[in-house]
Amino acid sequence: MSEKPYPFIPLDWPRLTDAESQARALAFRQSMARRRSVRHFSPEPIPQGVLEDAIACAASAPSGANQQPWTFVVVTEPALKARLREAAEAEERESYERRMSPEWLEALAPLGTDWHKPHFTEAPALIVVFEQVYGLRQLPDGTVKKVKHYYVQESVGIAVGFLIAALTQAGLATLTHTPSPMGFLSEVLGRPENERAFAVLPVGYPAPEARVPDIQKKPLEEVLVRRP
């Protein structure tokens, strides 16, 4: 069964002046440069509508064949967050004590991380991002057909980048957490078999006592290459 082609419409794209373009680029750069991975959250509630707007921004990301292979599950109920924390800590403890190589542990050591994950219950919200490994389409006769998805991980990774940027612009702190393995997330949250957990983002305001490692990002001249 072939898909109908999209109709083409005029592009709605406001043209900025050079000064506006430069100012916006600099302001966004400076704002995102202050972004840090936060592990200590305040219990303050998140303003209504902010998560929805941030997820809508994430869902506007480009994706392979415009298949939009993502699902964003927002968890705020304390008991459910506690279940997720318990399961995450069990997996993380196994990883830190048995699965991770000495080189991996050595790389993590300067960051001071371990298997304890208090941010699962301290943050007012968790956003669990799932990648849709394949799609499901109901046919006119009621049967369900599997639909192959393309560039799933690349597409979902871009969407998560949009999500982090949107939440940062809203003044909220995040942590990109990828427990391994992540099968417990699908089980606890009751997700269908075509979805696979991609990342967990605790979201909220930083706790007043929050501290972060004094790390530095590579300077621009190390990551930017200009070719004549």
C-alpha atoms as a PDB file:
ATOM      1  CA  MET A   1       0.000   0.000   0.000  1.00  0.00           C
ATOM      2  CA  SER A   2       1.609   3.265  -1.118  1.00  0.00           C
ATOM      3  CA  GLU A   3       1.377   6.527   0.784  1.00  0.00           C
ATOM      4  CA  LYS A   4      -0.287   9.558  -0.773  1.00  0.00           C
ATOM      5  CA  PRO A   5       2.205  12.319  -1.587  1.00  0.00           C
ATOM      6  CA  TYR A   6       2.190  15.389   0.616  1.00  0.00           C
ATOM      7  CA  PRO A   7       0.766  18.560  -0.949  1.00  0.00           C
ATOM      8  CA  PHE A   8       3.378  21.282  -1.245  1.00  0.00           C
ATOM      9  CA  ILE A   9       2.670  24.696   0.265  1.00  0.00           C
ATOM     10  CA  PRO A  10       4.600  28.000   0.406  1.00  0.00           C
ATOM     11  CA  LEU A  11       7.330  28.046   3.073  1.00  0.00           C
ATOM     12  CA  ASP A  12       6.490  30.263   6.050  1.00  0.00           C
ATOM     13  CA  TRP A  13       9.932  31.464   7.085  1.00  0.00           C
ATOM     14  CA  PRO A  14      10.469  35.018   8.361  1.00  0.00           C
ATOM     15  CA  ARG A  15      13.727  36.557   7.154  1.00  0.00           C
ATOM     16  CA  LEU A  16      15.732  38.204   9.940  1.00  0.00           C
ATOM     17  CA  THR A  17      18.101  41.086   9.547  1.00  0.00           C
ATOM     18  CA  ASP A  18      21.784  40.320   9.987  1.00  0.00           C
ATOM     19  CA  ALA A  19      21.718  42.051  13.371  1.00  0.00           C
ATOM     20  CA  GLU A  20      18.686  40.036  14.526  1.00  0.00           C
ATOM     21  CA  SER A  21      20.271  36.796  13.366  1.00  0.00           C
ATOM     22  CA  GLN A  22      23.531  37.520  15.166  1.00  0.00           C
ATOM     23  CA  ALA A  23      21.757  38.611  18.349  1.00  0.00           C
ATOM     24  CA  ARG A  24      19.549  35.526  18.472  1.00  0.00           C
ATOM     25  CA  ALA A  25      22.438  33.156  17.805  1.00  0.00           C
ATOM     26  CA  LEU A  26      24.541  34.739  20.550  1.00  0.00           C
ATOM     27  CA  ALA A  27      21.702  34.834  23.088  1.00  0.00           C
ATOM     28  CA  PHE A  28      20.858  31.171  22.477  1.00  0.00           C
ATOM     29  CA  ARG A  29      24.531  30.195  22.689  1.00  0.00           C
ATOM     30  CA  GLN A  30      24.963  32.012  25.992  1.00  0.00           C
ATOM     31  CA  SER A  31      21.776  30.519  27.428  1.00  0.00           C
ATOM     32  CA  MET A  32      22.685  26.963  26.453  1.00  0.00           C
ATOM     33  CA  ALA A  33      26.256  27.403  27.704  1.00  0.00           C
ATOM     34  CA  ARG A  34      24.825  27.670  31.227  1.00  0.00           C
ATOM     35  CA  ARG A  35      22.997  24.351  30.854  1.00  0.00           C
ATOM     36  CA  ARG A  36      24.297  21.637  33.162  1.00  0.00           C
ATOM     37  CA  SER A  37      23.310  18.075  33.983  1.00  0.00           C
ATOM     38  CA  VAL A  38      21.607  18.441  37.370  1.00  0.00           C
ATOM     39  CA  ARG A  39      21.214  15.606  39.856  1.00  0.00           C
ATOM     40  CA  HIS A  40      19.666  17.494  42.781  1.00  0.00           C
ATOM     41  CA  PHE A  41      16.188  18.919  42.274  1.00  0.00           C
ATOM     42  CA  SER A  42      13.786  21.120  44.191  1.00  0.00           C
ATOM     43  CA  PRO A  43      10.278  19.704  44.745  1.00  0.00           C
ATOM     44  CA  GLU A  44       8.769  22.975  43.444  1.00  0.00           C
ATOM     45  CA  PRO A  45       6.053  22.306  40.866  1.00  0.00           C
ATOM     46  CA  ILE A  46       6.649  23.018  37.207  1.00  0.00           C
ATOM     47  CA  PRO A  47       4.365  25.757  35.806  1.00  0.00           C
ATOM     48  CA  GLN A  48       1.342  24.388  34.001  1.00  0.00           C
ATOM     49  CA  GLY A  49       1.793  23.948  30.282  1.00  0.00           C
ATOM     50  CA  VAL A  50       5.596  24.170  30.229  1.00  0.00           C
ATOM     51  CA  LEU A  51       6.188  20.435  29.790  1.00  0.00           C
ATOM     52  CA  GLU A  52       3.549  20.254  27.099  1.00  0.00           C
ATOM     53  CA  ASP A  53       5.123  23.122  25.158  1.00  0.00           C
ATOM     54  CA  ALA A  54       8.610  21.622  25.512  1.00  0.00           C
ATOM     55  CA  ILE A  55       7.429  18.211  24.311  1.00  0.00           C
ATOM     56  CA  ALA A  56       5.566  19.838  21.418  1.00  0.00           C
ATOM     57  CA  CYS A  57       8.860  21.494  20.501  1.00  0.00           C
ATOM     58  CA  ALA A  58      10.632  18.119  20.668  1.00  0.00           C
ATOM     59  CA  ALA A  59       7.941  16.570  18.500  1.00  0.00           C
ATOM     60  CA  SER A  60       8.603  19.211  15.826  1.00  0.00           C
ATOM     61  CA  ALA A  61      12.085  17.773  15.238  1.00  0.00           C
ATOM     62  CA  PRO A  62      12.987  16.383  11.824  1.00  0.00           C
ATOM     63  CA  SER A  63      12.749  12.607  11.442  1.00  0.00           C
ATOM     64  CA  GLY A  64      13.460   9.976   8.844  1.00  0.00           C
ATOM     65  CA  ALA A  65      10.653  10.019   6.244  1.00  0.00           C
ATOM     66  CA  ASN A  66       8.703  12.244   8.679  1.00  0.00           C
ATOM     67  CA  GLN A  67       7.714   9.105  10.617  1.00  0.00           C
ATOM     68  CA  GLN A  68       8.141  10.835  14.002  1.00  0.00           C
ATOM     69  CA  PRO A  69       9.132   7.601  15.786  1.00  0.00           C
ATOM     70  CA  TRP A  70       8.867   8.829  19.362  1.00  0.00           C
ATOM     71  CA  THR A  71       6.673   8.752  22.436  1.00  0.00           C
ATOM     72  CA  PHE A  72       7.138  11.012  25.475  1.00  0.00           C
ATOM     73  CA  VAL A  73       5.776   9.640  28.759  1.00  0.00           C
ATOM     74  CA  VAL A  74       5.459  12.191  31.586  1.00  0.00           C
ATOM     75  CA  VAL A  75       5.546  10.728  35.088  1.00  0.00           C
ATOM     76  CA  THR A  76       4.635  12.890  38.097  1.00  0.00           C
ATOM     77  CA  GLU A  77       2.889  10.447  40.452  1.00  0.00           C
ATOM     78  CA  PRO A  78       5.186   9.892  43.482  1.00  0.00           C
ATOM     79  CA  ALA A  79       4.529   6.163  43.841  1.00  0.00           C
ATOM     80  CA  LEU A  80       5.273   5.521  40.172  1.00  0.00           C
ATOM     81  CA  LYS A  81       8.448   7.591  40.335  1.00  0.00           C
ATOM     82  CA  ALA A  82       9.488   5.532  43.356  1.00  0.00           C
ATOM     83  CA  ARG A  83       8.930   2.283  41.415  1.00  0.00           C
ATOM     84  CA  LEU A  84      11.031   3.585  38.560  1.00  0.00           C
ATOM     85  CA  ARG A  85      13.782   4.671  40.936  1.00  0.00           C
ATOM     86  CA  GLU A  86      13.873   1.277  42.629  1.00  0.00           C
ATOM     87  CA  ALA A  87      14.140  -0.511  39.297  1.00  0.00           C
ATOM     88  CA  ALA A  88      16.728   1.944  37.938  1.00  0.00           C
ATOM     89  CA  GLU A  89      18.915   1.650  41.015  1.00  0.00           C
ATOM     90  CA  ALA A  90      18.811  -2.135  40.844  1.00  0.00           C
ATOM     91  CA  GLU A  91      20.063  -2.069  37.250  1.00  0.00           C
ATOM     92  CA  GLU A  92      22.597   0.676  37.909  1.00  0.00           C
ATOM     93  CA  ARG A  93      24.023  -1.084  40.953  1.00  0.00           C
ATOM     94  CA  GLU A  94      24.521  -4.211  38.872  1.00  0.00           C
ATOM     95  CA  SER A  95      26.218  -2.122  36.196  1.00  0.00           C
ATOM     96  CA  TYR A  96      28.563  -0.300  38.565  1.00  0.00           C
ATOM     97  CA  GLU A  97      29.488  -3.453  40.465  1.00  0.00           C
ATOM     98  CA  ARG A  98      29.663  -6.015  37.646  1.00  0.00           C
ATOM     99  CA  ARG A  99      28.908  -4.832  34.105  1.00  0.00           C
ATOM    100  CA  MET A 100      31.065  -1.744  33.614  1.00  0.00           C
ATOM    101  CA  SER A 101      34.663  -2.150  32.505  1.00  0.00           C
ATOM    102  CA  PRO A 102      37.471  -0.595  34.574  1.00  0.00           C
ATOM    103  CA  GLU A 103      37.981   1.951  31.763  1.00  0.00           C
ATOM    104  CA  TRP A 104      34.329   2.987  31.908  1.00  0.00           C
ATOM    105  CA  LEU A 105      34.395   3.387  35.671  1.00  0.00           C
ATOM    106  CA  GLU A 106      37.608   5.376  35.402  1.00  0.00           C
ATOM    107  CA  ALA A 107      35.982   7.729  32.883  1.00  0.00           C
ATOM    108  CA  LEU A 108      32.995   8.287  35.199  1.00  0.00           C
ATOM    109  CA  ALA A 109      35.017   8.716  38.389  1.00  0.00           C
ATOM    110  CA  PRO A 110      35.735  12.477  38.003  1.00  0.00           C
ATOM    111  CA  LEU A 111      31.999  13.140  37.729  1.00  0.00           C
ATOM    112  CA  GLY A 112      31.259  11.529  41.087  1.00  0.00           C
ATOM    113  CA  THR A 113      28.357   9.392  39.856  1.00  0.00           C
ATOM    114  CA  ASP A 114      27.259   6.079  41.344  1.00  0.00           C
ATOM    115  CA  TRP A 115      24.232   3.779  41.313  1.00  0.00           C
ATOM    116  CA  HIS A 116      22.132   5.952  43.626  1.00  0.00           C
ATOM    117  CA  LYS A 117      19.483   7.855  41.626  1.00  0.00           C
ATOM    118  CA  PRO A 118      17.651  10.232  43.994  1.00  0.00           C
ATOM    119  CA  HIS A 119      16.696  12.471  41.069  1.00  0.00           C
ATOM    120  CA  PHE A 120      14.056   9.896  40.069  1.00  0.00           C
ATOM    121  CA  THR A 121      11.981  10.815  43.106  1.00  0.00           C
ATOM    122  CA  GLU A 122      13.217  14.335  43.869  1.00  0.00           C
ATOM    123  CA  ALA A 123      12.433  15.863  40.481  1.00  0.00           C
ATOM    124  CA  PRO A 124       8.767  16.868  40.131  1.00  0.00           C
ATOM    125  CA  ALA A 125       8.566  15.193  36.714  1.00  0.00           C
ATOM    126  CA  LEU A 126      10.251  12.480  34.705  1.00  0.00           C
ATOM    127  CA  ILE A 127      10.031  12.482  30.933  1.00  0.00           C
ATOM    128  CA  VAL A 128      10.702   8.999  29.603  1.00  0.00           C
ATOM    129  CA  VAL A 129      11.438   9.082  25.883  1.00  0.00           C
ATOM    130  CA  PHE A 130      10.684   5.960  23.859  1.00  0.00           C
ATOM    131  CA  GLU A 131      11.786   5.216  20.319  1.00  0.00           C
ATOM    132  CA  GLN A 132       9.243   3.463  18.127  1.00  0.00           C
ATOM    133  CA  VAL A 133      11.306   0.704  16.546  1.00  0.00           C
ATOM    134  CA  TYR A 134       8.527   0.169  14.035  1.00  0.00           C
ATOM    135  CA  GLY A 135       5.124   1.716  13.492  1.00  0.00           C
ATOM    136  CA  LEU A 136       1.669   0.180  13.722  1.00  0.00           C
ATOM    137  CA  ARG A 137      -1.054   1.039  11.224  1.00  0.00           C
ATOM    138  CA  GLN A 138      -4.619  -0.205  11.398  1.00  0.00           C
ATOM    139  CA  LEU A 139      -5.952  -1.233   7.990  1.00  0.00           C
ATOM    140  CA  PRO A 140      -9.575  -0.793   6.877  1.00  0.00           C
ATOM    141  CA  ASP A 141     -10.279  -4.466   7.598  1.00  0.00           C
ATOM    142  CA  GLY A 142      -9.208  -4.002  11.219  1.00  0.00           C
ATOM    143  CA  THR A 143      -5.892  -5.816  10.969  1.00  0.00           C
ATOM    144  CA  VAL A 144      -2.727  -4.088  12.166  1.00  0.00           C
ATOM    145  CA  LYS A 145       0.270  -3.797   9.903  1.00  0.00           C
ATOM    146  CA  LYS A 146       3.861  -3.236  10.976  1.00  0.00           C
ATOM    147  CA  VAL A 147       5.459  -0.195   9.339  1.00  0.00           C
ATOM    148  CA  LYS A 148       9.226  -0.064   8.963  1.00  0.00           C
ATOM    149  CA  HIS A 149      10.796   3.034  10.475  1.00  0.00           C
ATOM    150  CA  TYR A 150      13.975   4.645   9.179  1.00  0.00           C
ATOM    151  CA  TYR A 151      16.757   6.415  11.084  1.00  0.00           C
ATOM    152  CA  VAL A 152      14.954   5.851  14.376  1.00  0.00           C
ATOM    153  CA  GLN A 153      17.781   6.502  16.806  1.00  0.00           C
ATOM    154  CA  GLU A 154      19.048   9.504  14.877  1.00  0.00           C
ATOM    155  CA  SER A 155      15.537  10.979  14.769  1.00  0.00           C
ATOM    156  CA  VAL A 156      14.838  10.414  18.465  1.00  0.00           C
ATOM    157  CA  GLY A 157      18.269  11.755  19.405  1.00  0.00           C
ATOM    158  CA  ILE A 158      17.520  14.999  17.566  1.00  0.00           C
ATOM    159  CA  ALA A 159      14.119  15.220  19.292  1.00  0.00           C
ATOM    160  CA  VAL A 160      15.739  14.796  22.708  1.00  0.00           C
ATOM    161  CA  GLY A 161      18.139  17.608  21.828  1.00  0.00           C
ATOM    162  CA  PHE A 162      15.160  19.826  20.973  1.00  0.00           C
ATOM    163  CA  LEU A 163      13.537  18.811  24.274  1.00  0.00           C
ATOM    164  CA  ILE A 164      16.580  19.667  26.380  1.00  0.00           C
ATOM    165  CA  ALA A 165      16.945  23.020  24.626  1.00  0.00           C
ATOM    166  CA  ALA A 166      13.259  23.858  25.123  1.00  0.00           C
ATOM    167  CA  LEU A 167      13.330  22.960  28.812  1.00  0.00           C
ATOM    168  CA  THR A 168      16.527  24.963  29.296  1.00  0.00           C
ATOM    169  CA  GLN A 169      14.932  28.009  27.647  1.00  0.00           C
ATOM    170  CA  ALA A 170      12.014  27.616  30.074  1.00  0.00           C
ATOM    171  CA  GLY A 171      14.437  27.866  33.009  1.00  0.00           C
ATOM    172  CA  LEU A 172      14.219  24.208  33.984  1.00  0.00           C
ATOM    173  CA  ALA A 173      17.081  21.865  34.766  1.00  0.00           C
ATOM    174  CA  THR A 174      17.416  18.389  33.291  1.00  0.00           C
ATOM    175  CA  LEU A 175      19.547  15.283  33.408  1.00  0.00           C
ATOM    176  CA  THR A 176      19.907  12.932  30.461  1.00  0.00           C
ATOM    177  CA  HIS A 177      19.863   9.510  32.091  1.00  0.00           C
ATOM    178  CA  THR A 178      20.289   6.268  30.160  1.00  0.00           C
ATOM    179  CA  PRO A 179      20.232   3.333  32.581  1.00  0.00           C
ATOM    180  CA  SER A 180      21.410   0.119  30.997  1.00  0.00           C
ATOM    181  CA  PRO A 181      19.546  -2.068  30.344  1.00  0.00           C
ATOM    182  CA  MET A 182      16.330  -0.037  30.160  1.00  0.00           C
ATOM    183  CA  GLY A 183      13.719  -2.745  29.698  1.00  0.00           C
ATOM    184  CA  PHE A 184      12.213  -2.007  33.110  1.00  0.00           C
ATOM    185  CA  LEU A 185      10.918   1.322  31.803  1.00  0.00           C
ATOM    186  CA  SER A 186       8.680  -0.349  29.219  1.00  0.00           C
ATOM    187  CA  GLU A 187       7.493  -2.869  31.780  1.00  0.00           C
ATOM    188  CA  VAL A 188       6.682  -0.410  34.575  1.00  0.00           C
ATOM    189  CA  LEU A 189       5.068   2.124  32.219  1.00  0.00           C
ATOM    190  CA  GLY A 190       3.153  -0.478  30.216  1.00  0.00           C
ATOM    191  CA  ARG A 191       4.463   0.535  26.808  1.00  0.00           C
ATOM    192  CA  PRO A 192       3.713  -1.554  23.683  1.00  0.00           C
ATOM    193  CA  GLU A 193       6.212  -3.959  22.164  1.00  0.00           C
ATOM    194  CA  ASN A 194       7.148  -1.644  19.298  1.00  0.00           C
ATOM    195  CA  GLU A 195       8.551   0.948  21.728  1.00  0.00           C
ATOM    196  CA  ARG A 196      11.976   0.846  23.334  1.00  0.00           C
ATOM    197  CA  ALA A 197      13.190   3.216  26.049  1.00  0.00           C
ATOM    198  CA  PHE A 198      15.702   5.771  24.783  1.00  0.00           C
ATOM    199  CA  ALA A 199      16.339   8.107  27.744  1.00  0.00           C
ATOM    200  CA  VAL A 200      14.918   9.369  31.033  1.00  0.00           C
ATOM    201  CA  LEU A 201      14.950  13.100  31.736  1.00  0.00           C
ATOM    202  CA  PRO A 202      14.255  14.218  35.311  1.00  0.00           C
ATOM    203  CA  VAL A 203      12.969  17.794  35.025  1.00  0.00           C
ATOM    204  CA  GLY A 204      12.505  20.595  37.525  1.00  0.00           C
ATOM    205  CA  TYR A 205      14.192  23.493  39.258  1.00  0.00           C
ATOM    206  CA  PRO A 206      17.633  22.848  40.761  1.00  0.00           C
ATOM    207  CA  ALA A 207      17.716  22.393  44.526  1.00  0.00           C
ATOM    208  CA  PRO A 208      19.213  25.416  46.335  1.00  0.00           C
ATOM    209  CA  GLU A 209      22.139  23.221  47.417  1.00  0.00           C
ATOM    210  CA  ALA A 210      22.717  21.725  43.962  1.00  0.00           C
ATOM    211  CA  ARG A 211      26.348  21.371  42.964  1.00  0.00           C
ATOM    212  CA  VAL A 212      27.843  20.324  39.630  1.00  0.00           C
ATOM    213  CA  PRO A 213      31.359  19.283  38.586  1.00  0.00           C
ATOM    214  CA  ASP A 214      33.537  22.133  37.372  1.00  0.00           C
ATOM    215  CA  ILE A 215      33.908  20.778  33.851  1.00  0.00           C
ATOM    216  CA  GLN A 216      34.852  22.631  30.695  1.00  0.00           C
ATOM    217  CA  LYS A 217      33.633  22.216  27.143  1.00  0.00           C
ATOM    218  CA  LYS A 218      36.064  22.022  24.236  1.00  0.00           C
ATOM    219  CA  PRO A 219      36.832  25.445  22.769  1.00  0.00           C
ATOM    220  CA  LEU A 220      35.255  26.293  19.438  1.00  0.00           C
ATOM    221  CA  GLU A 221      38.558  26.040  17.568  1.00  0.00           C
ATOM    222  CA  GLU A 222      38.788  22.364  18.542  1.00  0.00           C
ATOM    223  CA  VAL A 223      35.361  21.376  17.206  1.00  0.00           C
ATOM    224  CA  LEU A 224      34.880  23.731  14.250  1.00  0.00           C
ATOM    225  CA  VAL A 225      36.641  22.954  10.973  1.00  0.00           C
ATOM    226  CA  ARG A 226      36.408  25.382   8.072  1.00  0.00           C
ATOM    227  CA  ARG A 227      37.287  24.123   4.611  1.00  0.00           C
ATOM    228  CA  PRO A 228      38.147  26.587   1.831  1.00  0.00           C
END
